[in-house]
Amino acid sequence: MEIEYVPLTKFQIEPTLDDKFWQEKLNRSIKDCNSVSQLQEMATLLAAIATQRQGVIRGLVQDMFIFREIAIDQDDIANPPVPPS
């Protein structure tokens, strides 16, 4: 079995128009928010969504490896560093 390594950029993974509208709506909500507790709630929601999507990405990458013998560089799918608080 020969494994082909490809960059994640080889795949069409751009956000949809719906995703872009949702992002803009969320950006406006954050910008207009004056409540720390509401901001914390939004941040917690975003962390949950990011974690769920990261799991989906890793699962799809694993399926590509198993079924198509294609591997993605782990640096391409790693979580970004969390800035110090």
Protein backbone atom coordinates (compact mmCIF):
# COMPACT_ATOMS: atom_id res chain seq x y z
CA MET A 1 0.00 0.00 0.00
CA GLU A 2 1.48 3.32 -1.08
CA ILE A 3 0.31 6.35 0.89
CA GLU A 4 -0.08 9.63 -0.95
CA TYR A 5 0.50 12.71 1.22
CA VAL A 6 -1.40 15.80 0.09
CA PRO A 7 -1.89 19.26 1.60
CA LEU A 8 -5.32 20.10 2.94
CA THR A 9 -5.44 22.99 0.47
CA LYS A 10 -5.86 20.43 -2.34
CA PHE A 11 -9.50 20.08 -1.33
CA GLN A 12 -12.29 22.58 -1.83
CA ILE A 13 -12.97 23.60 1.77
CA GLU A 14 -14.12 27.20 1.41
CA PRO A 15 -17.01 28.38 3.60
CA THR A 16 -20.42 28.42 1.95
CA LEU A 17 -22.42 31.61 1.51
CA ASP A 18 -24.56 30.52 4.49
CA ASP A 19 -21.40 30.13 6.59
CA LYS A 20 -20.23 33.62 5.62
CA PHE A 21 -23.59 35.17 6.53
CA TRP A 22 -23.57 33.34 9.87
CA GLN A 23 -20.05 34.60 10.54
CA GLU A 24 -21.05 38.18 9.78
CA LYS A 25 -24.11 37.90 12.02
CA LEU A 26 -21.97 36.53 14.83
CA ASN A 27 -19.29 39.20 14.33
CA ARG A 28 -21.94 41.91 14.61
CA SER A 29 -23.42 40.31 17.73
CA ILE A 30 -19.99 40.22 19.37
CA LYS A 31 -19.19 43.79 18.36
CA ASP A 32 -22.52 45.10 19.69
CA CYS A 33 -22.46 43.07 22.92
CA ASN A 34 -21.82 44.93 26.17
CA SER A 35 -22.33 41.99 28.50
CA VAL A 36 -19.37 39.92 29.65
CA SER A 37 -21.65 36.98 30.49
CA GLN A 38 -23.19 37.04 26.99
CA LEU A 39 -19.72 37.21 25.43
CA GLN A 40 -18.65 34.25 27.57
CA GLU A 41 -21.74 32.34 26.43
CA MET A 42 -20.94 33.09 22.77
CA ALA A 43 -17.29 32.09 23.27
CA THR A 44 -18.37 28.81 24.86
CA LEU A 45 -20.72 28.14 21.94
CA LEU A 46 -17.95 28.90 19.44
CA ALA A 47 -15.54 26.61 21.29
CA ALA A 48 -18.10 23.79 21.15
CA ILE A 49 -18.71 24.34 17.43
CA ALA A 50 -14.96 24.49 16.69
CA THR A 51 -14.35 21.28 18.65
CA GLN A 52 -17.19 19.48 16.87
CA ARG A 53 -15.98 20.60 13.44
CA GLN A 54 -12.40 19.63 14.26
CA GLY A 55 -13.65 16.14 15.15
CA VAL A 56 -15.53 15.93 11.86
CA ILE A 57 -12.43 17.01 9.93
CA ARG A 58 -10.24 14.46 11.69
CA GLY A 59 -12.83 11.74 11.02
CA LEU A 60 -13.00 12.61 7.32
CA VAL A 61 -9.21 12.68 7.07
CA GLN A 62 -9.07 9.25 8.70
CA ASP A 63 -11.67 7.92 6.23
CA MET A 64 -9.63 9.31 3.33
CA PHE A 65 -6.60 7.46 4.66
CA ILE A 66 -8.49 4.19 5.12
CA PHE A 67 -10.50 4.20 1.88
CA ARG A 68 -8.35 6.19 -0.55
CA GLU A 69 -4.83 5.82 0.88
CA ILE A 70 -4.49 9.61 1.08
CA ALA A 71 -2.95 11.20 4.16
CA ILE A 72 -3.02 14.84 5.25
CA ASP A 73 -0.07 16.41 7.04
CA GLN A 74 -0.99 16.58 10.74
CA ASP A 75 0.16 20.22 10.87
CA ASP A 76 -2.66 21.05 8.43
CA ILE A 77 -5.34 19.76 10.80
CA ALA A 78 -3.82 20.66 14.17
CA ASN A 79 -5.64 23.00 16.51
CA PRO A 80 -4.14 26.48 16.57
CA PRO A 81 -2.36 27.57 19.75
CA VAL A 82 -4.50 29.27 22.38
CA PRO A 83 -3.24 32.79 23.11
CA PRO A 84 -2.18 33.39 26.73
CA SER A 85 -4.80 35.08 28.88
